[in-house]
Amino acid sequence: MKRGVGAGPDLALIHGWGLGSAVWQPLVAALSRTWRVHLVDLPGYGESSGGSEDFTQAARDLIDALPDSVTLCGWSLGAMLAMRAALLAPQRVAGLLLVGATASFTQRGDSYPAQAPPVLDSFSDSLGRQPEQTLQRFVALLCQGDQHARTLTRTLLACLRGQPAPAGETLRRGLDWLREVDLRPLLPTMTTRCLLIHGEHDRLNPVAAAQYLATTLPDARLEIVAGAGHAPFLTDPEHFVRLLEAFCHARPAT
């Protein structure tokens, strides 16, 4: 994890699958005026070592590496890890910002809005043969539906090229987590207040998944970003920062 930038309350930014902490870089200057920003590299990304194969242990390692009273801002897979970390150590987490989040990425034979297993299977199959092309295909998928899809795709492809590529084992482990983890049974026990920020046209985790979280988590509010896909923090960074500021500065419910 990179050293905290700025001064103020602690805010940890947790990236998703395939793209490291550099994905947050366009927001760091604005956020560091209000918070001490921690850019978290998930296990196997950036300067982070391989870490645990176990999802719950990875969430425990994540929160153990951060200061007390930290606000966790997780995107996609990072949001799942943030939720699990807050469930493991609620006394250490001031709030949860869940971006493009879902409780279960993969369909499990019920009506929950999630991806069909063959989507992950296709990424797993191509990782060993064409890892670079697989990541590029993933970037194109997460940008689909966004009103600025072409610009956003170029930005994220540049982000991929500008940082060391995660090892195939790291990417495989992340796909395993997305395939296996289902947080739904744990959600009613969440005591941390949450803000959900979700793109209107998210093609990876549909808005219905965020609506499920908003109605199942005990203290949660949903903000849908018009015209955005799976990365609303890049579609409209200024709006995203305003939402974070309003959430973090609001008084917790009593």
Protein backbone atom coordinates (compact mmCIF):
# COMPACT_ATOMS: atom_id res chain seq x y z
CA MET A 1 0.00 0.00 0.00
CA LYS A 2 1.26 3.45 -0.90
CA ARG A 3 1.92 6.06 1.78
CA GLY A 4 -1.06 8.27 2.63
CA VAL A 5 -1.36 11.49 0.62
CA GLY A 6 -2.83 14.64 2.12
CA ALA A 7 -4.06 15.42 5.63
CA GLY A 8 -7.33 14.80 7.41
CA PRO A 9 -9.52 11.77 8.09
CA ASP A 10 -8.26 8.54 6.55
CA LEU A 11 -9.79 7.39 3.27
CA ALA A 12 -8.71 4.11 1.61
CA LEU A 13 -9.34 3.62 -2.11
CA ILE A 14 -9.61 -0.06 -3.09
CA HIS A 15 -9.50 -0.97 -6.78
CA GLY A 16 -11.24 -3.83 -8.55
CA TRP A 17 -10.16 -6.78 -10.68
CA GLY A 18 -7.53 -6.30 -13.37
CA LEU A 19 -6.77 -2.61 -12.74
CA GLY A 20 -4.46 -1.54 -9.91
CA SER A 21 -4.60 1.47 -7.62
CA ALA A 22 -3.53 3.82 -10.44
CA VAL A 23 -7.16 3.77 -11.59
CA TRP A 24 -7.90 6.25 -8.76
CA GLN A 25 -5.14 8.67 -9.73
CA PRO A 26 -7.43 11.23 -11.44
CA LEU A 27 -9.17 11.80 -8.08
CA VAL A 28 -6.20 11.89 -5.71
CA ALA A 29 -5.46 15.64 -5.97
CA ALA A 30 -9.05 16.60 -5.17
CA LEU A 31 -9.51 14.00 -2.43
CA SER A 32 -6.21 14.77 -0.69
CA ARG A 33 -7.39 18.32 0.02
CA THR A 34 -9.88 16.87 2.51
CA TRP A 35 -8.59 13.42 3.45
CA ARG A 36 -5.40 11.47 3.99
CA VAL A 37 -5.77 9.17 0.98
CA HIS A 38 -4.44 5.62 1.05
CA LEU A 39 -4.13 3.90 -2.34
CA VAL A 40 -4.54 0.20 -1.63
CA ASP A 41 -2.89 -2.34 -3.92
CA LEU A 42 -4.75 -5.63 -3.63
CA PRO A 43 -2.57 -8.76 -3.24
CA GLY A 44 -0.40 -9.24 -6.32
CA TYR A 45 -0.97 -5.74 -7.72
CA GLY A 46 1.61 -2.95 -7.82
CA GLU A 47 4.00 -3.16 -4.88
CA SER A 48 1.85 -5.65 -2.95
CA SER A 49 3.00 -9.23 -2.48
CA GLY A 50 0.85 -12.22 -3.44
CA GLY A 51 -1.19 -12.40 -0.24
CA SER A 52 -3.73 -14.99 0.82
CA GLU A 53 -5.77 -17.17 -1.51
CA ASP A 54 -8.67 -16.87 0.95
CA PHE A 55 -11.07 -13.97 0.40
CA THR A 56 -11.89 -13.45 4.07
CA GLN A 57 -8.21 -13.49 5.04
CA ALA A 58 -7.46 -10.97 2.30
CA ALA A 59 -10.15 -8.68 3.75
CA ARG A 60 -8.67 -9.11 7.22
CA ASP A 61 -5.18 -8.30 5.93
CA LEU A 62 -6.57 -5.22 4.20
CA ILE A 63 -8.15 -3.69 7.30
CA ASP A 64 -5.18 -4.65 9.48
CA ALA A 65 -2.90 -2.58 7.23
CA LEU A 66 -5.02 0.58 7.59
CA PRO A 67 -5.47 3.08 10.44
CA ASP A 68 -8.44 3.04 12.80
CA SER A 69 -11.54 5.06 11.85
CA VAL A 70 -10.76 4.71 8.15
CA THR A 71 -13.44 5.19 5.51
CA LEU A 72 -13.25 2.39 2.94
CA CYS A 73 -14.05 3.27 -0.67
CA GLY A 74 -14.14 0.10 -2.76
CA TRP A 75 -14.89 -0.36 -6.43
CA SER A 76 -16.38 -3.60 -7.81
CA LEU A 77 -14.32 -6.49 -6.34
CA GLY A 78 -12.75 -3.88 -4.06
CA ALA A 79 -16.23 -3.05 -2.77
CA MET A 80 -16.79 -6.71 -1.89
CA LEU A 81 -13.52 -6.75 0.05
CA ALA A 82 -14.46 -3.48 1.77
CA MET A 83 -17.79 -4.93 2.89
CA ARG A 84 -16.12 -8.07 4.22
CA ALA A 85 -13.48 -5.99 6.05
CA ALA A 86 -16.17 -3.86 7.70
CA LEU A 87 -18.01 -6.97 8.80
CA LEU A 88 -14.82 -8.38 10.32
CA ALA A 89 -13.77 -5.19 12.14
CA PRO A 90 -16.71 -2.75 12.32
CA GLN A 91 -15.10 -0.82 15.18
CA ARG A 92 -12.26 0.21 12.87
CA VAL A 93 -14.32 1.47 9.92
CA ALA A 94 -15.93 4.93 9.92
CA GLY A 95 -17.94 4.37 6.76
CA LEU A 96 -18.27 2.44 3.52
CA LEU A 97 -18.40 3.90 0.03
CA LEU A 98 -19.36 1.12 -2.36
CA VAL A 99 -18.87 1.89 -6.05
CA GLY A 100 -20.31 -0.37 -8.75
CA ALA A 101 -20.91 -2.89 -5.98
CA THR A 102 -22.68 -6.22 -5.72
CA ALA A 103 -23.05 -8.84 -3.01
CA SER A 104 -22.59 -11.66 -5.52
CA PHE A 105 -20.97 -11.16 -8.92
CA THR A 106 -22.12 -14.55 -10.23
CA GLN A 107 -25.63 -15.95 -10.64
CA ARG A 108 -26.44 -18.78 -8.22
CA GLY A 109 -29.64 -20.30 -9.49
CA ASP A 110 -31.94 -17.63 -8.09
CA SER A 111 -33.28 -14.29 -9.29
CA TYR A 112 -30.41 -12.15 -7.99
CA PRO A 113 -29.16 -9.79 -10.75
CA ALA A 114 -25.66 -11.02 -11.54
CA GLN A 115 -23.43 -12.33 -14.32
CA ALA A 116 -23.92 -15.81 -15.76
CA PRO A 117 -21.04 -18.21 -14.90
CA PRO A 118 -19.92 -18.51 -18.55
CA VAL A 119 -18.83 -14.85 -18.47
CA LEU A 120 -16.19 -15.63 -15.86
CA ASP A 121 -15.36 -18.94 -17.52
CA SER A 122 -14.50 -17.13 -20.75
CA PHE A 123 -12.13 -14.77 -18.95
CA SER A 124 -10.52 -17.69 -17.11
CA ASP A 125 -10.04 -19.62 -20.33
CA SER A 126 -8.38 -16.71 -22.14
CA LEU A 127 -6.12 -15.59 -19.28
CA GLY A 128 -3.56 -18.34 -19.81
CA ARG A 129 -3.41 -17.83 -23.56
CA GLN A 130 -3.79 -14.06 -23.96
CA PRO A 131 -3.55 -12.21 -20.62
CA GLU A 132 -3.01 -8.75 -22.14
CA GLN A 133 -5.92 -9.11 -24.56
CA THR A 134 -8.09 -10.46 -21.74
CA LEU A 135 -7.55 -7.33 -19.67
CA GLN A 136 -8.24 -5.14 -22.68
CA ARG A 137 -11.49 -7.00 -23.31
CA PHE A 138 -12.45 -6.52 -19.67
CA VAL A 139 -11.83 -2.78 -19.92
CA ALA A 140 -14.08 -2.59 -22.98
CA LEU A 141 -16.80 -4.49 -21.11
CA LEU A 142 -16.75 -2.27 -18.04
CA CYS A 143 -16.96 0.86 -20.23
CA GLN A 144 -20.01 -0.37 -22.14
CA GLY A 145 -23.08 1.79 -21.63
CA ASP A 146 -21.13 4.80 -20.36
CA GLN A 147 -21.89 8.09 -22.08
CA HIS A 148 -18.14 8.69 -22.39
CA ALA A 149 -17.27 5.08 -23.28
CA ARG A 150 -14.63 5.86 -25.91
CA THR A 151 -12.73 8.39 -23.77
CA LEU A 152 -13.02 6.20 -20.70
CA THR A 153 -11.74 3.15 -22.59
CA ARG A 154 -8.67 5.09 -23.74
CA THR A 155 -8.05 6.30 -20.18
CA LEU A 156 -8.25 2.82 -18.70
CA LEU A 157 -6.13 1.22 -21.41
CA ALA A 158 -3.48 3.86 -20.70
CA CYS A 159 -3.78 2.96 -17.01
CA LEU A 160 -3.15 -0.69 -17.87
CA ARG A 161 -0.07 0.17 -19.93
CA GLY A 162 1.29 2.51 -17.27
CA GLN A 163 1.63 -0.04 -14.46
CA PRO A 164 3.10 -3.52 -14.10
CA ALA A 165 0.63 -6.17 -15.20
CA PRO A 166 -0.57 -8.40 -12.35
CA ALA A 167 0.58 -12.00 -12.57
CA GLY A 168 -1.74 -14.56 -14.07
CA GLU A 169 -2.08 -16.23 -10.67
CA THR A 170 -3.28 -12.94 -9.17
CA LEU A 171 -5.88 -12.50 -11.89
CA ARG A 172 -7.02 -16.10 -11.56
CA ARG A 173 -7.47 -15.71 -7.80
CA GLY A 174 -9.62 -12.61 -8.34
CA LEU A 175 -11.83 -14.46 -10.80
CA ASP A 176 -12.18 -17.28 -8.28
CA TRP A 177 -13.38 -14.78 -5.67
CA LEU A 178 -15.88 -13.28 -8.10
CA ARG A 179 -17.12 -16.78 -8.90
CA GLU A 180 -17.35 -18.05 -5.31
CA VAL A 181 -18.08 -15.17 -2.92
CA ASP A 182 -21.68 -14.49 -1.92
CA LEU A 183 -22.01 -11.87 0.83
CA ARG A 184 -25.81 -11.79 0.91
CA PRO A 185 -26.23 -13.85 4.11
CA LEU A 186 -23.94 -11.42 6.00
CA LEU A 187 -25.48 -8.13 4.89
CA PRO A 188 -28.16 -7.79 7.62
CA THR A 189 -25.40 -7.87 10.27
CA MET A 190 -23.57 -4.84 8.83
CA THR A 191 -23.36 -2.01 11.38
CA THR A 192 -21.30 0.41 9.26
CA ARG A 193 -23.13 3.17 7.42
CA CYS A 194 -22.85 2.93 3.65
CA LEU A 195 -23.14 5.05 0.55
CA LEU A 196 -23.66 3.18 -2.71
CA ILE A 197 -22.59 4.98 -5.89
CA HIS A 198 -23.65 3.18 -9.05
CA GLY A 199 -23.64 3.92 -12.75
CA GLU A 200 -27.05 4.09 -14.42
CA HIS A 201 -25.85 1.87 -17.29
CA ASP A 202 -23.52 -0.49 -15.43
CA ARG A 203 -23.29 -3.64 -17.58
CA LEU A 204 -21.15 -5.66 -15.14
CA ASN A 205 -23.11 -5.17 -11.92
CA PRO A 206 -26.62 -3.99 -12.82
CA VAL A 207 -28.33 -1.20 -10.91
CA ALA A 208 -30.68 -3.85 -9.47
CA ALA A 209 -27.71 -5.31 -7.56
CA ALA A 210 -27.09 -1.92 -5.93
CA GLN A 211 -30.79 -1.55 -5.17
CA TYR A 212 -30.67 -4.93 -3.42
CA LEU A 213 -27.76 -3.73 -1.30
CA ALA A 214 -29.53 -0.47 -0.49
CA THR A 215 -32.60 -2.29 0.81
CA THR A 216 -30.72 -5.10 2.61
CA LEU A 217 -27.91 -3.23 4.35
CA PRO A 218 -29.25 -1.71 7.60
CA ASP A 219 -27.87 1.80 7.00
CA ALA A 220 -27.34 2.47 3.31
CA ARG A 221 -28.21 5.06 0.70
CA LEU A 222 -27.98 4.70 -3.08
CA GLU A 223 -26.87 7.40 -5.53
CA ILE A 224 -27.28 6.49 -9.22
CA VAL A 225 -25.00 8.45 -11.56
CA ALA A 226 -26.82 9.29 -14.78
CA GLY A 227 -25.10 8.23 -17.99
CA ALA A 228 -22.36 6.28 -16.22
CA GLY A 229 -21.28 2.68 -16.63
CA HIS A 230 -19.24 0.59 -14.22
CA ALA A 231 -16.76 3.38 -13.33
CA PRO A 232 -18.88 6.38 -12.24
CA PHE A 233 -15.94 7.92 -10.38
CA LEU A 234 -14.21 8.43 -13.74
CA THR A 235 -17.32 9.41 -15.70
CA ASP A 236 -17.98 12.43 -13.46
CA PRO A 237 -15.11 12.84 -10.94
CA GLU A 238 -16.35 16.17 -9.56
CA HIS A 239 -19.79 14.78 -8.78
CA PHE A 240 -18.18 11.70 -7.24
CA VAL A 241 -16.00 13.81 -4.92
CA ARG A 242 -19.02 15.89 -3.86
CA LEU A 243 -20.91 12.71 -2.96
CA LEU A 244 -17.97 11.49 -0.88
CA GLU A 245 -17.69 14.82 0.92
CA ALA A 246 -21.39 14.94 1.75
CA PHE A 247 -21.34 11.37 3.04
CA CYS A 248 -18.19 11.70 5.12
CA HIS A 249 -19.20 15.01 6.65
CA ALA A 250 -22.76 13.97 7.48
CA ARG A 251 -23.56 13.02 11.02
CA PRO A 252 -23.98 9.26 11.53
CA ALA A 253 -27.55 8.19 12.21
CA THR A 254 -28.38 7.78 15.90
